[in-house]
Structure formats: structure tokens, C-alpha cells
Protein backbone atom coordinates (compact mmCIF):
# COMPACT_ATOMS: atom_id res chain seq x y z
CA UNK A 1 5.17 -13.49 9.85
CA UNK A 2 8.94 -13.34 9.73
CA UNK A 3 11.16 -15.41 12.00
CA UNK A 4 12.36 -12.12 13.42
CA UNK A 5 8.85 -11.32 14.60
CA UNK A 6 8.36 -14.80 15.98
CA UNK A 7 11.07 -14.31 18.58
CA UNK A 8 9.30 -14.40 21.90
CA UNK A 9 10.68 -12.51 24.81
CA UNK A 10 9.90 -12.75 28.50
CA UNK A 11 9.23 -9.57 30.38
CA UNK A 12 12.37 -8.34 32.15
CA UNK A 13 10.50 -7.66 35.34
CA UNK A 14 7.01 -8.44 36.54
CA UNK A 15 5.50 -5.06 37.24
CA UNK A 16 1.87 -4.29 37.65
CA UNK A 17 0.25 -0.96 37.06
CA UNK A 18 -2.83 0.90 38.04
CA UNK A 19 -3.86 2.00 34.57
CA UNK A 20 -6.12 1.16 31.33
CA UNK A 21 -8.35 -1.31 28.09
CA UNK A 22 -10.74 -4.76 26.84
CA UNK A 23 -10.95 -8.10 24.77
CA UNK A 24 -8.61 -9.47 22.11
CA UNK A 25 -11.04 -9.15 19.20
CA UNK A 26 -14.37 -7.39 19.06
CA UNK A 27 -17.25 -9.92 19.36
CA UNK A 28 -18.36 -9.42 15.74
CA UNK A 29 -14.86 -9.83 14.37
CA UNK A 30 -14.11 -12.75 16.66
CA UNK A 31 -17.26 -14.48 15.44
CA UNK A 32 -16.25 -13.95 11.82
CA UNK A 33 -12.83 -15.39 12.60
CA UNK A 34 -14.34 -18.40 14.36
CA UNK A 35 -16.57 -19.04 11.35
CA UNK A 36 -13.54 -19.01 9.08
CA UNK A 37 -14.67 -15.92 7.19
CA UNK A 38 -11.48 -14.05 7.99
CA UNK A 39 -8.01 -14.87 9.21
CA UNK A 40 -8.03 -14.21 12.95
CA UNK A 41 -4.59 -12.61 12.86
CA UNK A 42 -5.62 -10.28 10.06
CA UNK A 43 -9.15 -9.56 11.27
CA UNK A 44 -10.57 -6.48 9.66
CA UNK A 45 -7.76 -5.91 7.20
CA UNK A 46 -9.23 -5.06 3.81
CA UNK A 47 -7.66 -4.41 0.44
CA UNK A 48 -9.45 -2.67 -2.43
CA UNK A 49 -7.68 -4.78 -5.05
CA UNK A 50 -6.38 -8.31 -5.31
CA UNK A 51 -2.72 -8.47 -4.52
CA UNK A 52 -0.14 -9.57 -7.05
CA UNK A 53 1.08 -13.16 -7.14
CA UNK A 54 3.86 -14.34 -4.87
CA UNK A 55 7.36 -13.01 -5.52
CA UNK A 56 8.44 -16.15 -7.35
CA UNK A 57 5.55 -15.66 -9.80
CA UNK A 58 6.35 -12.06 -10.61
CA UNK A 59 7.16 -11.51 -14.29
CA UNK A 60 8.82 -8.32 -15.40
CA UNK A 61 6.43 -6.27 -17.56
CA UNK A 62 9.04 -6.03 -20.36
CA UNK A 63 8.92 -9.82 -20.63
CA UNK A 64 5.20 -10.07 -20.02
CA UNK A 65 4.38 -7.58 -22.77
CA UNK A 66 7.03 -8.72 -25.24
CA UNK A 67 9.08 -5.54 -25.07
CA UNK A 68 12.75 -5.25 -25.83
CA UNK A 69 14.41 -4.42 -22.48
CA UNK A 70 17.00 -2.36 -24.37
CA UNK A 71 14.25 -0.31 -26.01
CA UNK A 72 12.36 0.58 -22.84
CA UNK A 73 11.64 4.23 -22.39
CA UNK A 74 13.45 6.07 -19.57
CA UNK A 75 11.82 5.79 -16.16
CA UNK A 76 8.89 8.21 -16.02
CA UNK A 77 8.69 10.85 -13.35
CA UNK A 78 6.88 9.31 -10.42
CA UNK A 79 5.74 10.79 -7.14
CA UNK A 80 5.57 7.98 -4.62
CA UNK A 81 3.07 10.05 -2.63
CA UNK A 82 0.45 9.13 -5.23
CA UNK A 83 1.03 5.50 -4.30
CA UNK A 84 1.79 6.04 -0.64
CA UNK A 85 -1.78 7.01 0.20
CA UNK A 86 -2.78 5.49 3.51
CA UNK A 87 -5.17 6.70 6.17
CA UNK A 88 -3.92 4.10 8.65
CA UNK A 89 -0.81 5.89 9.85
CA UNK A 90 -0.33 9.00 11.88
CA UNK A 91 1.50 11.29 9.49
CA UNK A 92 5.23 10.67 9.50
CA UNK A 93 5.02 7.24 11.13
CA UNK A 94 4.71 5.61 7.73
CA UNK A 95 8.14 7.07 6.88
CA UNK A 96 9.90 5.44 9.82
CA UNK A 97 12.22 2.62 8.63
CA UNK A 98 11.46 -0.91 9.82
CA UNK A 99 13.27 -4.24 9.82
CA UNK A 100 12.98 -6.25 6.57
CA UNK A 101 11.39 -3.33 4.77
CA UNK A 102 10.49 -4.32 1.19
CA UNK A 103 8.63 -1.20 0.08
CA UNK A 104 11.33 -0.37 -2.46
CA UNK A 105 10.65 -3.68 -4.21
CA UNK A 106 6.98 -2.82 -4.59
CA UNK A 107 7.79 0.72 -5.70
CA UNK A 108 10.16 -0.68 -8.35
CA UNK A 109 7.48 -3.06 -9.57
CA UNK A 110 4.92 -0.30 -9.83
CA UNK A 111 7.37 1.93 -11.69
CA UNK A 112 8.30 -0.94 -14.03
CA UNK A 113 4.63 -1.20 -15.00
CA UNK A 114 4.48 2.56 -15.56
CA UNK A 115 7.63 2.30 -17.66
CA UNK A 116 6.10 -0.51 -19.70
CA UNK A 117 2.94 1.54 -20.24
CA UNK A 118 5.01 4.54 -21.34
CA UNK A 119 6.97 2.33 -23.75
CA UNK A 120 3.76 0.74 -25.06
CA UNK A 121 2.27 4.19 -25.58
CA UNK A 122 5.38 5.22 -27.51
CA UNK A 123 5.27 2.08 -29.67
CA UNK A 124 1.54 2.51 -30.13
CA UNK A 125 2.04 6.08 -31.30
CA UNK A 126 4.67 4.91 -33.80
CA UNK A 127 2.34 2.18 -35.06
CA UNK A 128 -0.58 4.56 -35.45
CA UNK A 129 1.66 7.07 -37.22
CA UNK A 130 2.84 4.38 -39.63
CA UNK A 131 -0.77 3.38 -40.32
CA UNK A 132 -1.80 6.98 -40.85
CA UNK A 133 1.06 7.51 -43.30
CA UNK A 134 0.00 4.49 -45.37
CA UNK A 135 -3.70 5.14 -45.45
CA UNK A 136 -3.46 8.13 -47.89
CA UNK A 137 -1.12 6.06 -50.04
CA UNK A 138 -3.78 3.37 -50.27
CA UNK A 139 -6.30 5.98 -51.31
CA UNK A 140 -3.91 7.36 -53.94
CA UNK A 141 -3.16 3.90 -55.30
CA UNK A 142 -6.85 3.04 -55.47
CA UNK A 143 -7.52 6.31 -57.29
CA UNK A 144 -4.63 5.70 -59.73
CA UNK A 145 -5.81 2.15 -60.42
CA UNK A 146 -9.32 3.42 -60.99
CA UNK A 147 -7.95 6.04 -63.44
CA UNK A 148 -6.10 3.36 -65.33
CA UNK A 149 -9.25 1.26 -65.50
CA UNK A 150 -11.18 4.20 -66.87
CA UNK A 151 -8.50 5.01 -69.46
CA UNK A 152 -8.27 1.38 -70.52
CA UNK A 153 -12.05 1.26 -70.88
CA UNK A 154 -12.04 4.50 -72.90
CA UNK A 155 -9.27 3.27 -75.19
CA UNK A 156 -10.99 -0.07 -75.62
CA UNK A 157 -14.16 1.78 -76.55
CA UNK A 158 -12.34 3.87 -79.13
CA UNK A 159 -10.78 0.73 -80.61
CA UNK A 160 -14.21 -0.81 -80.98
CA UNK A 161 -15.48 2.32 -82.71
CA UNK A 162 -12.53 2.38 -85.10
CA UNK A 163 -12.93 -1.28 -85.93
CA UNK A 164 -16.61 -0.80 -86.59
CA UNK A 165 -15.82 2.14 -88.87
CA UNK A 166 -13.35 0.05 -90.81
CA UNK A 167 -15.90 -2.71 -91.21
CA UNK A 168 -18.56 -0.26 -92.28
CA UNK A 169 -16.18 1.33 -94.78
CA UNK A 170 -15.47 -2.03 -96.33
CA UNK A 171 -19.16 -2.80 -96.66
CA UNK A 172 -20.01 0.50 -98.28
CA UNK A 173 -17.09 0.28 -100.63
CA UNK A 174 -18.39 -3.02 -101.74
CA UNK A 175 -21.97 -1.75 -102.21
CA UNK A 176 -21.18 1.20 -104.44
CA UNK A 177 -19.08 4.24 -105.14
CA UNK A 178 -21.94 6.72 -104.90
CA UNK A 179 -22.56 5.95 -101.29
CA UNK A 180 -18.83 5.97 -100.68
CA UNK A 181 -18.42 9.41 -102.24
CA UNK A 182 -21.31 10.71 -100.15
CA UNK A 183 -20.16 9.06 -96.98
CA UNK A 184 -16.61 10.42 -97.19
CA UNK A 185 -17.30 13.63 -99.17
CA UNK A 186 -14.61 12.86 -101.70
CA UNK A 187 -14.64 14.45 -105.16
CA UNK A 188 -15.93 12.36 -107.94
CA UNK A 189 -13.01 10.46 -109.36
CA UNK A 190 -12.30 7.36 -111.07
CA UNK A 191 -12.64 3.94 -109.53
CA UNK A 192 -8.96 3.54 -108.89
CA UNK A 193 -8.71 6.74 -106.95
CA UNK A 194 -11.65 5.81 -104.68
CA UNK A 195 -10.00 2.55 -103.77
CA UNK A 196 -6.81 4.41 -102.87
CA UNK A 197 -8.79 6.71 -100.53
CA UNK A 198 -10.47 3.71 -98.92
CA UNK A 199 -7.14 2.04 -98.28
CA UNK A 200 -5.70 5.18 -96.79
CA UNK A 201 -8.66 5.60 -94.43
CA UNK A 202 -8.47 1.95 -93.40
CA UNK A 203 -4.72 2.19 -92.80
CA UNK A 204 -5.13 5.34 -90.73
CA UNK A 205 -7.81 3.78 -88.60
CA UNK A 206 -5.79 0.62 -88.15
CA UNK A 207 -2.86 2.75 -87.06
CA UNK A 208 -5.10 4.51 -84.54
CA UNK A 209 -6.23 1.12 -83.25
CA UNK A 210 -2.61 -0.01 -82.86
CA UNK A 211 -1.74 3.14 -80.94
CA UNK A 212 -4.64 2.60 -78.56
CA UNK A 213 -3.87 -1.08 -78.10
CA UNK A 214 -0.27 -0.22 -77.20
CA UNK A 215 -1.52 2.42 -74.77
CA UNK A 216 -3.82 -0.16 -73.20
CA UNK A 217 -0.91 -2.56 -72.74
CA UNK A 218 1.18 0.20 -71.19
CA UNK A 219 -1.62 1.18 -68.86
CA UNK A 220 -2.29 -2.45 -67.96
CA UNK A 221 1.37 -2.86 -67.02
CA UNK A 222 1.23 0.29 -64.95
CA UNK A 223 -2.02 -0.82 -63.32
CA UNK A 224 -0.48 -4.19 -62.49
CA UNK A 225 2.42 -2.43 -60.82
CA UNK A 226 0.02 -0.23 -58.90
CA UNK A 227 -2.03 -3.23 -57.84
CA UNK A 228 1.11 -5.02 -56.66
CA UNK A 229 2.10 -1.93 -54.69
CA UNK A 230 -1.40 -1.88 -53.21
CA UNK A 231 -1.14 -5.53 -52.18
CA UNK A 232 2.20 -4.86 -50.46
CA UNK A 233 0.83 -1.74 -48.80
CA UNK A 234 -2.26 -3.59 -47.59
CA UNK A 235 -0.08 -6.36 -46.21
CA UNK A 236 1.99 -3.77 -44.39
CA UNK A 237 -1.20 -2.20 -43.03
CA UNK A 238 -2.44 -5.61 -41.95
CA UNK A 239 0.79 -6.24 -40.04
CA UNK A 240 0.68 -2.76 -38.53
CA UNK A 241 -2.94 -3.20 -37.50
CA UNK A 242 -2.12 -6.52 -35.88
CA UNK A 243 0.78 -4.89 -34.07
CA UNK A 244 -1.50 -2.06 -33.00
CA UNK A 245 -4.09 -4.54 -31.72
CA UNK A 246 -1.40 -6.41 -29.77
CA UNK A 247 -0.06 -3.15 -28.35
CA UNK A 248 -3.54 -2.04 -27.38
CA UNK A 249 -4.16 -5.37 -25.66
CA UNK A 250 -0.83 -5.11 -23.84
CA UNK A 251 -1.70 -1.53 -22.93
CA UNK A 252 -5.02 -2.63 -21.45
CA UNK A 253 -3.32 -5.45 -19.55
CA UNK A 254 -0.60 -3.15 -18.24
CA UNK A 255 -3.17 -0.58 -17.17
CA UNK A 256 -5.11 -3.31 -15.37
CA UNK A 257 -1.87 -4.30 -13.63
CA UNK A 258 -1.39 -0.87 -12.07
CA UNK A 259 -4.14 -1.24 -9.44
CA UNK A 260 -2.62 -4.58 -8.51
CA UNK A 261 0.88 -3.19 -8.02
CA UNK A 262 -0.63 -0.29 -6.09
CA UNK A 263 -2.62 -2.72 -3.92
CA UNK A 264 0.48 -4.83 -3.34
CA UNK A 265 2.35 -1.70 -2.30
CA UNK A 266 -0.47 -0.77 0.06
CA UNK A 267 -0.49 -4.24 1.54
CA UNK A 268 3.29 -4.14 1.93
CA UNK A 269 2.92 -0.72 3.54
CA UNK A 270 0.48 -2.11 6.08
CA UNK A 271 2.47 -5.33 6.47
CA UNK A 272 5.19 -3.14 7.95
CA UNK A 273 2.99 -2.43 10.98
CA UNK A 274 3.90 -5.56 13.00
CA UNK A 275 7.60 -5.20 12.15
CA UNK A 276 10.09 -3.62 14.49
CA UNK A 277 11.29 -0.08 13.93
CA UNK A 278 14.90 -0.34 12.79
CA UNK A 279 17.34 -0.35 15.71
CA UNK A 280 14.64 -0.81 18.37
CA UNK A 281 12.32 -3.42 19.86
CA UNK A 282 9.17 -1.38 19.21
CA UNK A 283 6.81 -2.55 16.44
CA UNK A 284 5.63 0.12 14.05
CA UNK A 285 1.99 -0.49 14.98
CA UNK A 286 2.78 0.34 18.61
CA UNK A 287 4.65 3.49 17.59
CA UNK A 288 1.67 4.44 15.47
CA UNK A 289 -0.65 3.97 18.45
CA UNK A 290 1.56 6.06 20.74
CA UNK A 291 1.78 8.91 18.23
CA UNK A 292 -1.97 8.91 17.64
CA UNK A 293 -2.56 8.95 21.41
CA UNK A 294 -0.15 11.89 21.76
CA UNK A 295 -1.99 13.88 19.10
CA UNK A 296 -5.43 13.09 20.49
CA UNK A 297 -4.37 14.17 23.99
CA UNK A 298 -2.99 17.39 22.49
CA UNK A 299 -6.64 18.19 21.76
CA UNK A 300 -8.26 16.65 24.82
CA UNK A 301 -5.77 18.03 27.36
CA UNK A 302 -3.31 20.51 25.79
CA UNK A 303 -1.74 21.36 29.15
CA UNK A 304 -0.58 17.78 29.72
CA UNK A 305 1.95 17.88 26.86
CA UNK A 306 2.37 14.13 26.78
CA UNK A 307 4.58 12.82 23.98
CA UNK A 308 4.64 9.45 22.27
CA UNK A 309 8.00 8.37 23.70
CA UNK A 310 6.65 8.65 27.22
CA UNK A 311 3.95 6.12 26.33
CA UNK A 312 6.60 4.01 24.63
CA UNK A 313 8.49 3.87 27.93
CA UNK A 314 5.37 2.50 29.65
CA UNK A 315 4.74 0.01 26.84
CA UNK A 316 8.33 -1.23 26.98
CA UNK A 317 8.35 -1.98 30.71
CA UNK A 318 4.81 -3.32 30.92
CA UNK A 319 4.86 -5.82 28.03
CA UNK A 320 7.65 -4.99 25.56
CA UNK A 321 4.92 -3.39 23.44
CA UNK A 322 2.63 -6.40 23.40
CA UNK A 323 5.47 -8.90 22.91
CA UNK A 324 5.05 -10.60 26.26
CA UNK A 325 5.49 -14.39 26.43
CA UNK A 326 3.92 -15.82 23.25
CA UNK A 327 2.08 -12.67 22.21
CA UNK A 328 2.91 -10.23 19.45
CA UNK A 329 0.92 -7.43 17.84
CA UNK A 330 -0.76 -7.92 14.51
CA UNK A 331 -1.23 -5.14 11.97
CA UNK A 332 -4.50 -4.10 13.60
CA UNK A 333 -2.79 -3.58 16.95
CA UNK A 334 -4.40 -6.62 18.58
CA UNK A 335 -2.30 -8.85 20.79
CA UNK A 336 -2.06 -12.27 19.15
CA UNK A 337 -2.40 -13.86 22.60
CA UNK A 338 -4.32 -12.54 25.58
CA UNK A 339 -1.89 -10.71 27.88
CA UNK A 340 -2.78 -10.82 31.56
CA UNK A 341 -0.69 -10.52 34.67
CA UNK A 342 -0.70 -12.71 37.77
CA UNK A 343 -3.70 -12.80 40.07
CA UNK A 344 -3.63 -9.81 42.41
CA UNK A 345 -3.95 -11.97 45.48
CA UNK A 346 -1.63 -10.02 47.78
CA UNK A 347 1.22 -12.54 47.76
CA UNK A 348 4.83 -11.58 48.39
CA UNK A 349 6.97 -11.34 45.27
CA UNK A 350 10.35 -10.76 46.87
CA UNK A 351 11.96 -9.65 50.12
CA UNK A 352 10.57 -12.38 52.35
CA UNK A 353 14.12 -12.92 53.64
CA UNK A 354 13.75 -9.74 55.67
CA UNK A 355 11.01 -11.30 57.75
CA UNK A 356 12.10 -12.53 61.16
CA UNK A 357 10.34 -14.46 63.82
CA UNK A 358 7.82 -12.36 65.54
CA UNK A 359 7.55 -9.70 62.81
CA UNK A 360 4.06 -8.55 62.02
CA UNK A 361 3.43 -8.37 58.28
CA UNK A 362 1.19 -5.49 57.23
CA UNK A 363 -1.98 -6.47 55.47
CA UNK A 364 -1.90 -6.49 51.70
CA UNK A 365 -3.17 -3.28 50.17
CA UNK A 366 -4.74 -2.32 46.89
CA UNK A 367 -1.41 -1.38 45.30
CA UNK A 368 1.54 -3.45 44.21
CA UNK A 369 4.25 -1.76 46.24
CA UNK A 370 7.33 -2.03 48.41
CA UNK A 371 6.38 -2.34 52.08
CA UNK A 372 8.63 -1.61 55.06
CA UNK A 373 8.54 -4.63 57.33
CA UNK A 374 9.09 -4.38 61.10
CA UNK A 375 11.65 -6.77 62.58
CA UNK A 376 11.75 -8.52 65.99
CA UNK A 377 14.58 -6.32 67.33
CA UNK A 378 17.69 -4.34 66.38
CA UNK A 379 20.31 -5.89 64.17
CA UNK A 380 23.10 -7.67 66.14
CA UNK A 381 26.29 -5.62 66.75
CA UNK A 382 29.89 -6.50 67.62
CA UNK A 383 29.36 -6.13 71.40
CA UNK A 384 26.97 -9.04 71.42
CA UNK A 385 29.76 -11.34 70.32
CA UNK A 386 31.84 -10.73 73.43
CA UNK A 387 34.91 -9.54 71.54
CA UNK A 388 37.04 -6.73 72.88
CA UNK A 389 36.68 -3.61 70.76
CA UNK A 390 38.77 -0.44 70.87
CA UNK A 391 36.20 2.33 70.41
CA UNK A 392 38.80 4.71 68.99
CA UNK A 393 39.91 2.31 66.25
CA UNK A 394 36.76 0.38 65.51
CA UNK A 395 35.05 1.31 62.21
CA UNK A 396 31.53 2.54 62.28
CA UNK A 397 29.04 -0.29 62.21
CA UNK A 398 27.27 -0.64 58.83
CA UNK A 399 23.67 0.38 58.75
CA UNK A 400 21.23 -2.49 58.99
CA UNK A 401 19.49 -3.27 55.68
CA UNK A 402 16.10 -1.67 55.34
CA UNK A 403 13.58 -4.46 55.79
CA UNK A 404 11.41 -4.17 52.66
CA UNK A 405 9.35 -6.68 50.74
CA UNK A 406 7.57 -6.32 47.42
CA UNK A 407 4.02 -7.47 47.54
CA UNK A 408 1.28 -7.82 44.98
CA UNK A 409 -1.84 -5.80 45.41
CA UNK A 410 -4.82 -7.61 46.83
CA UNK A 411 -7.78 -6.89 44.58
CA UNK A 412 -10.66 -9.29 44.47
CA UNK A 413 -12.57 -9.65 41.21
CA UNK A 414 -14.32 -6.48 40.05
CA UNK A 415 -15.44 -7.39 36.53
CA UNK A 416 -16.76 -10.93 36.81
CA UNK A 417 -13.74 -12.08 34.79
CA UNK A 418 -14.95 -10.19 31.68
CA UNK A 419 -11.55 -8.67 30.94
CA UNK A 420 -9.07 -10.85 32.81
CA UNK A 421 -10.93 -14.20 32.77
CA UNK A 422 -10.49 -14.50 36.53
CA UNK A 423 -13.58 -14.45 38.73
CA UNK A 424 -11.63 -14.60 42.01
CA UNK A 425 -9.01 -11.87 41.71
CA UNK A 426 -8.36 -9.06 39.29
CA UNK A 427 -5.39 -9.27 36.91
CA UNK A 428 -3.68 -6.55 34.90
CA UNK A 429 -4.52 -6.97 31.21
CA UNK A 430 -3.25 -5.94 27.80
CA UNK A 431 0.00 -4.46 26.53
CA UNK A 432 -0.29 -1.46 28.87
CA UNK A 433 -1.32 -3.64 31.88
CA UNK A 434 -4.55 -2.19 33.23
CA UNK A 435 -6.46 -3.74 36.07
CA UNK A 436 -10.16 -3.99 35.16
CA UNK A 437 -11.49 -1.33 37.52
CA UNK A 438 -8.94 1.22 36.28
CA UNK A 439 -9.58 0.28 32.67
CA UNK A 440 -13.30 0.82 33.09
CA UNK A 441 -12.56 4.37 34.25
CA UNK A 442 -10.09 5.39 31.52
CA UNK A 443 -10.99 3.06 28.66
CA UNK A 444 -10.85 4.32 25.09
CA UNK A 445 -11.87 3.26 21.62
CA UNK A 446 -9.05 4.76 19.58
CA UNK A 447 -9.52 2.42 16.63
CA UNK A 448 -13.27 3.13 16.34
CA UNK A 449 -14.27 -0.52 16.11
CA UNK A 450 -17.07 0.00 18.62
CA UNK A 451 -15.15 -1.66 21.47
CA UNK A 452 -12.82 -0.43 24.17
CA UNK A 453 -10.27 -3.21 24.20
CA UNK A 454 -7.31 -3.33 26.60
CA UNK A 455 -5.73 -5.99 24.35
CA UNK A 456 -5.56 -3.50 21.48
CA UNK A 457 -2.54 -1.20 21.50
CA UNK A 458 -4.47 1.74 19.97
CA UNK A 459 -7.13 1.65 22.69
CA UNK A 460 -4.62 0.88 25.44
CA UNK A 461 -2.22 3.67 24.45
CA UNK A 462 -4.95 6.31 24.43
CA UNK A 463 -6.32 5.13 27.79
CA UNK A 464 -2.78 5.09 29.20
CA UNK A 465 -2.24 8.66 28.01
CA UNK A 466 -5.44 9.75 29.72
CA UNK A 467 -4.38 8.08 32.96
CA UNK A 468 -0.93 9.66 32.95
CA UNK A 469 -2.32 13.10 32.23
CA UNK A 470 -4.75 12.72 35.14
CA UNK A 471 -1.87 11.86 37.46
CA UNK A 472 0.15 15.03 36.83
CA UNK A 473 -0.42 18.63 35.82
CA UNK A 474 2.11 18.42 32.99
CA UNK A 475 4.49 15.87 31.56
CA UNK A 476 6.68 18.53 30.00
CA UNK A 477 8.99 18.46 33.04
CA UNK A 478 11.05 15.60 34.43
CA UNK A 479 9.33 15.97 37.79
CA UNK A 480 5.91 15.81 36.16
CA UNK A 481 6.87 12.65 34.29
CA UNK A 482 8.19 11.01 37.46
CA UNK A 483 4.92 11.77 39.21
CA UNK A 484 2.89 10.24 36.37
CA UNK A 485 5.08 7.15 35.98
CA UNK A 486 5.07 6.54 39.73
CA UNK A 487 1.28 6.80 39.73
CA UNK A 488 1.20 4.12 37.05
CA UNK A 489 3.17 1.79 39.33
CA UNK A 490 4.22 2.79 42.83
CA UNK A 491 7.84 1.80 42.49
CA UNK A 492 10.90 4.05 42.16
CA UNK A 493 12.83 1.49 40.12
CA UNK A 494 9.87 1.11 37.76
CA UNK A 495 9.65 4.88 37.36
CA UNK A 496 13.35 5.12 36.50
CA UNK A 497 13.14 2.26 34.02
CA UNK A 498 10.15 3.78 32.23
CA UNK A 499 11.86 7.17 32.01
CA UNK A 500 15.08 5.62 30.65
CA UNK A 501 13.22 3.55 28.07
CA UNK A 502 11.27 6.59 26.91
CA UNK A 503 14.41 8.66 26.45
CA UNK A 504 16.00 5.84 24.46
CA UNK A 505 13.06 5.74 22.03
CA UNK A 506 13.00 9.54 21.75
CA UNK A 507 16.66 9.52 20.70
CA UNK A 508 16.45 6.42 18.51
CA UNK A 509 13.36 7.25 16.44
CA UNK A 510 12.83 10.33 14.33
CA UNK A 511 9.31 10.89 12.99
CA UNK A 512 9.23 13.19 9.92
CA UNK A 513 6.74 16.03 10.17
CA UNK A 514 7.57 18.80 7.68
CA UNK A 515 6.72 16.84 4.55
CA UNK A 516 3.34 15.92 5.96
CA UNK A 517 2.22 19.28 7.21
CA UNK A 518 3.21 19.24 10.85
CA UNK A 519 3.20 16.92 13.84
CA UNK A 520 -0.50 17.29 14.52
CA UNK A 521 -1.62 16.41 11.00
CA UNK A 522 -3.11 12.94 10.77
CA UNK A 523 -3.22 12.77 7.03
CA UNK A 524 -6.92 12.25 6.35
CA UNK A 525 -9.38 14.75 4.94
CA UNK A 526 -13.12 14.19 4.91
CA UNK A 527 -16.01 16.56 5.60
CA UNK A 528 -17.36 14.26 8.32
CA UNK A 529 -14.01 13.94 10.10
CA UNK A 530 -12.97 17.41 11.18
CA UNK A 531 -11.18 16.56 14.40
CA UNK A 532 -7.99 14.69 15.03
CA UNK A 533 -9.99 12.26 17.13
CA UNK A 534 -12.28 11.47 14.24
CA UNK A 535 -9.36 11.23 11.86
CA UNK A 536 -7.38 8.90 14.08
CA UNK A 537 -10.42 6.69 14.60
CA UNK A 538 -11.02 6.48 10.87
CA UNK A 539 -7.39 5.62 10.25
CA UNK A 540 -7.41 2.50 12.32
CA UNK A 541 -11.00 1.63 11.48
CA UNK A 542 -10.04 1.22 7.83
CA UNK A 543 -8.14 -1.88 8.86
CA UNK A 544 -11.15 -3.28 10.69
CA UNK A 545 -14.25 -2.16 8.86
CA UNK A 546 -15.14 -2.64 5.20
CA UNK A 547 -17.80 0.05 5.59
CA UNK A 548 -15.14 2.75 5.77
CA UNK A 549 -14.06 1.90 2.25
CA UNK A 550 -17.51 2.85 0.98
CA UNK A 551 -17.18 6.58 1.61
CA UNK A 552 -13.53 6.54 0.55
CA UNK A 553 -14.49 5.06 -2.81
CA UNK A 554 -17.36 7.48 -3.38
């Protein structure tokens, strides 16, 4: 958690309310945390993919996949909505800027992988094209070499035949002229003439042999050239195939990297939840809870017209949105430390100086409130001092201060210490400061973890909304809001502070709606989750329950 989030702040004023929620972690999750199976601060958070290494271990895909940075393809068209797919946020809340936002870094990393894949695809296409161009050339060279072999064999065969004929001619000439005349069908001549014919035949056949031998040499030279070309071509193909194999391997690796960059983006998206909304002291997770509560109440009680900033005003004054003392909110909306107020034992908080001897102090009631205190007698005036006073010139005597004290409610334990860990007196609990008996009436399970938990901002915000809407007919008017805020804590100063804080948040934070289909859209679509209530519950449950991922992955 950043140093910024570790800043602890004390509550500006100790105010107690009569309002809403239950324990820090659900029993099952707390047990898993105690057994070391999960990090207590991140209980329930699940990721579908392993995250990328730490920032210092990040290697640019161009380097990782041996690509020339100058030769990278232009950035591909990319719709961040395909990456920005979360069912945790109320629609629009995920677009609200926060302190130390690093989403752009994760978007850039994801796009750099897409760019590398696009470049690898381009290089792979070039490699395959080069291979495809050379393959027919290999076939042609093999066919040409085979033709040369056949021609050489044919010529060699003809040479053998001619040589055999010459040898046979010599033998027959030696045996006798009769056979020679018959064999060659020459007219009967003298001996000298027959020898001339024999020489001419032999010379002609020898010439034919020489022609064929020269043709064989020529074809052998040509075949050698073709074979050398084939060797070069096969070497080129071997290199191209190796390059193709390397590109395919890089392509597979880059493709496998995409789910990791997407998961890292998703984790970074959810890591924004505990961070403060830019320019305010409200963590995004609290804003998310207030908006979800607003949209759920729009269905439960449309006439109330409660808005998120009204709940934010309550959250600010009650606990600075769960950042009371050493507590903060984690990404699941749980307080990191149990928040509980002082014991409601009826003691005086301030104003005891108004008490005078003989004054009767009213008994402590069930509300934390300002109480008019009777005094022993009227305030002293100038006459009692014995000084001479001219009635016509004397200024009017100032009004005596109203004798008022602020006193805690007196509420003995109502829950056996289950929520506030106090078995003697009740204490207000959680970021929205509910006393146990009020929580048990208005409690909610907005995060669908099976528990109504006043220490969880989602549950507490929804319960707070229900309480406020019960206290007034409508919060659309200033008078209606004053009535509801005063019911939360019977104190005019408290009411004014809550109203002012709410207006500040309304003016400081803009929640986009148009891009996401309207303010009541919660951004999740599933046949089993038709209502906003079901959608909101599923949103937060995804952080806490691995089972939710099952139907999402189906």
C-alpha cells in the first residue's frame, strides 16, 4: 500500500449515530486468513491469471522477441473496453481518476504485446511467402536435374550401342567379306572398296560417339550448376524454416503473454479501489459502495431519491470513509482495523462548565445529544455589584449563555459484544457508525458474501441508505436531507457538516454515465442476475468468492 494511503487521520469530531452493519471479515474468510491461505488484507481477491513480474523485471516485447524496434508495425487499433472488463465497479466509477493511477502503464504494456504480435504476424507472413516462392523452384530444379540424368543415361546408352556396333563391325570384317556384304547390304566389290566402307562406317560411328560424349559433358556441367543452385536454395529454405519456427515460437509466447498483461491490468484496475479519488479524501472503494447503494435504493425505494454524495457526507463525518485512527479500507471494502466508537455509557463529552452548584442534571438518554441544563439561579447583572448605573445610557445586558452540555447516549449492551466487543455498553461500529441494535434492524449484505458486516463499506453504505430513507419521505429536497441527517445524529452542527461534505463531493467528483448506458446500469449481464441488487451483489462477490468465477468462465 502506498505511503499516501498509510497516512492515518484522526476523526475531526467524535460523533455518534443511530444507524447501521457487522464483523471485519466473514468467519470463513477470517479462518482462511488465520490459516495463512490468503492475505488477510486481500481476502477474497481472485485473479484468473498470474500477474506479470514486478516492474523492474518487465522486458519490452520488442527486446524479448528479438524484434527491431525501428521495424515495429504501427500501433494496432485497440478498444480498451475489451480489456477494461470488470464486474466489480458500479458503471462509471471505474472511470473516476484516482491518486497514483498507473492504468496507462498497464494499457501501454498490453498494447506493446499486441504490437509485437502484429509485427510477428507480419514477419511470419513474409517468411511463409518467401518459403512458398522457393518451394516451386525446388520442384523445378529437381525436375530439371532429373531430366539431365535421364538424358545423360540415354546418351550413355547410345554410346554403348555405337561402340558395340563398331566392335561387331571389326569382328565381321575380320571373319569374311560375304558376311560383311550381307550385314551392310553393300554391292559386291573388290576387297579394297569393302575396307573403305568399313572405315567410313567406323568413323561415322566414332563421330556419333564423340558428339554424345560432348553432350554428356555439357549436360553434366548444367546438372552440376542446377545441383549447386538446389543446394543454395535448400540452404535458404532451411534458414527461412528456422526463422519461421522462431517466429512461430515467439508468436506463441507473445500470445501467452496477453492474458498476463490483461490480468495485470485487471489487478491494477482493482488495486485502484483503496486509493483516493483525485482531489478528495474519499477512497474509490467507498465511492463505489455509495453509488451501488444509491442504485439499489432507486429500486427498493424510488421515492426516497437518495444519491451517493449524501452517503459520502455521512461517511466523511463518521469515519473519514473508514480511515479512522489506524484503519483504512482494503480493495474488498473491509476496514483494515475494527472501527468502534466509545462506550455509550452516558458520560458528558463537553459543556460541563455550564453546571453550577445545585443544578440537577437530567438523566442520560438513549441518544447522543445536546441537553439544556438548568442552573441554580439567574445570571448575575450589574445591579448586584453595587455600581451606579444610568438606565438611559447603560447598554442592554448581554443574554446569558444557554446552558447546554453534550452527553453520550446511555445504552447498555444489546448484542453480547458480538459486533462491538463490549459486553457492558453498546458502541457504534464500522465506517458508518451503527450501534448494534440499529444495525440489526437495517443491516445489509451488499457484497453478497453471506454476512451483514458493519465493518464493510458496501454493507454499511446500503444499510445507511435504508436508514436515511426511513427517516424522511424524500431526500430530493434540502429539508428532507436535513431531517434524515439529523435522525442519523441528533445534532444541528453534525447535520450541517454532513450536508456540506456531501455537496463538496457532489461538486468534486463526476461519474461518467453515458458511455456505460446510464446511471442505473451496473455493468453486468447474466441470466441469473436480472436485478440491480443481484448485479451489485455479484460485482463485489467476485472479489470475495472464487465460485463466482466459475459461471463467468463458462
